[in-house]
Amino acid sequence: MMISGLVQILLFQSLGELVSKLLLPTLPGPVIGLVMLVGWLVIRKGINTELAMVADGFSQYLGLLFVPAAVGVVLFLPQLKANALAIISALVASVILTIGSSALVVRFLSKKASHE
């Protein structure tokens, strides 16, 4: 049962890789595949149970994926200290932009849902 959900995720990742190699080499394939998957789910107006089960399973162990990144951060600690102001500024600006754009999307979608 979970195989179907995993196949769906891998299918969209593969399609994203294909589009990345052939049409949009500057964008990562998994990102393109994720956007395609979201678009497909919007068109279908819902998530099937198999895909939801796989997504829930992945999200339970998502924290493990950050362990290698944390090790990499420790290795580059001197460079991070040297560029701390630029890094902090970029992080604060990206958080503000993310919150603002999320608010605009929620406002747009809530207006759209109230008209229907």
Protein backbone atom coordinates (compact mmCIF):
# COMPACT_ATOMS: atom_id res chain seq x y z
CA MET A 1 0.00 0.00 0.00
CA MET A 2 2.83 2.41 0.80
CA ILE A 3 4.62 1.31 -2.38
CA SER A 4 2.11 3.27 -4.47
CA GLY A 5 2.81 6.48 -2.55
CA LEU A 6 6.57 5.96 -2.81
CA VAL A 7 6.26 5.32 -6.54
CA GLN A 8 4.33 8.59 -6.93
CA ILE A 9 7.05 10.55 -5.13
CA LEU A 10 9.84 8.90 -7.11
CA LEU A 11 7.93 9.41 -10.38
CA PHE A 12 7.63 13.14 -9.82
CA GLN A 13 11.27 13.38 -8.72
CA SER A 14 12.32 11.55 -11.89
CA LEU A 15 10.16 13.82 -14.03
CA GLY A 16 11.71 16.81 -12.30
CA GLU A 17 15.20 15.48 -13.01
CA LEU A 18 14.27 14.98 -16.65
CA VAL A 19 12.90 18.51 -16.97
CA SER A 20 15.99 19.84 -15.19
CA LYS A 21 18.38 18.07 -17.55
CA LEU A 22 16.49 18.95 -20.74
CA LEU A 23 14.84 22.33 -20.16
CA LEU A 24 15.85 24.06 -16.92
CA PRO A 25 19.43 23.12 -16.02
CA THR A 26 19.71 25.89 -13.42
CA LEU A 27 16.96 24.45 -11.21
CA PRO A 28 17.43 21.24 -9.20
CA GLY A 29 15.38 18.29 -10.42
CA PRO A 30 13.85 17.44 -7.03
CA VAL A 31 12.58 21.01 -6.67
CA ILE A 32 10.95 20.88 -10.11
CA GLY A 33 9.48 17.49 -9.26
CA LEU A 34 8.09 18.82 -5.98
CA VAL A 35 6.42 21.73 -7.78
CA MET A 36 4.98 19.30 -10.32
CA LEU A 37 3.69 17.06 -7.50
CA VAL A 38 2.05 20.01 -5.74
CA GLY A 39 0.46 21.09 -9.03
CA TRP A 40 -0.83 17.56 -9.62
CA LEU A 41 -2.30 17.44 -6.11
CA VAL A 42 -3.98 20.82 -6.63
CA ILE A 43 -5.51 19.59 -9.88
CA ARG A 44 -6.73 16.41 -8.13
CA LYS A 45 -7.95 18.53 -5.18
CA GLY A 46 -6.54 16.22 -2.54
CA ILE A 47 -3.94 13.73 -1.42
CA ASN A 48 -4.59 10.01 -1.66
CA THR A 49 -4.03 7.90 1.43
CA GLU A 50 -0.96 6.06 0.10
CA LEU A 51 0.89 9.30 -0.58
CA ALA A 52 -0.15 10.72 2.79
CA MET A 53 1.17 7.63 4.59
CA VAL A 54 4.57 7.87 2.88
CA ALA A 55 4.79 11.62 3.54
CA ASP A 56 3.96 11.09 7.21
CA GLY A 57 6.59 8.37 7.43
CA PHE A 58 9.24 10.62 5.89
CA SER A 59 8.35 13.58 8.08
CA GLN A 60 8.84 11.52 11.26
CA TYR A 61 12.53 11.05 10.39
CA LEU A 62 13.17 14.40 8.71
CA GLY A 63 15.39 15.53 11.57
CA LEU A 64 17.96 12.85 10.73
CA LEU A 65 18.58 14.54 7.40
CA PHE A 66 19.95 17.61 9.19
CA VAL A 67 22.76 15.72 10.97
CA PRO A 68 25.19 15.81 8.00
CA ALA A 69 24.40 19.50 7.48
CA ALA A 70 25.18 20.23 11.13
CA VAL A 71 28.52 18.45 10.82
CA GLY A 72 29.29 20.58 7.77
CA VAL A 73 28.46 23.73 9.69
CA VAL A 74 30.91 22.79 12.43
CA LEU A 75 33.65 22.21 9.85
CA PHE A 76 33.20 25.72 8.44
CA LEU A 77 32.87 27.51 11.79
CA PRO A 78 35.80 29.92 11.19
CA GLN A 79 34.30 31.09 7.87
CA LEU A 80 30.90 31.44 9.51
CA LYS A 81 32.35 33.59 12.27
CA ALA A 82 34.12 35.81 9.72
CA ASN A 83 30.87 36.38 7.79
CA ALA A 84 28.46 36.37 10.73
CA LEU A 85 26.88 39.76 10.00
CA ALA A 86 26.11 38.91 6.36
CA ILE A 87 24.74 35.49 7.32
CA ILE A 88 22.52 36.87 10.09
CA SER A 89 21.25 39.64 7.80
CA ALA A 90 20.39 37.14 5.08
CA LEU A 91 18.62 34.85 7.54
CA VAL A 92 16.56 37.66 9.07
CA ALA A 93 15.62 39.04 5.64
CA SER A 94 14.62 35.60 4.34
CA VAL A 95 12.47 34.92 7.41
CA ILE A 96 10.70 38.26 6.99
CA LEU A 97 10.13 37.62 3.27
CA THR A 98 8.89 34.09 3.95
CA ILE A 99 6.41 35.22 6.59
CA GLY A 100 5.21 38.07 4.39
CA SER A 101 4.77 35.97 1.27
CA SER A 102 3.04 33.21 3.27
CA ALA A 103 0.62 35.78 4.67
CA LEU A 104 -0.15 37.05 1.17
CA VAL A 105 -0.77 33.52 -0.12
CA VAL A 106 -3.05 32.70 2.83
CA ARG A 107 -4.97 35.95 2.32
CA PHE A 108 -5.35 35.21 -1.40
CA LEU A 109 -6.49 31.63 -0.81
CA SER A 110 -8.90 32.59 1.98
CA LYS A 111 -10.54 35.22 -0.25
CA LYS A 112 -10.78 32.67 -3.04
CA ALA A 113 -12.32 30.06 -0.70
CA SER A 114 -14.87 32.53 0.68
CA HIS A 115 -16.11 33.34 -2.85
CA GLU A 116 -16.74 29.69 -3.65
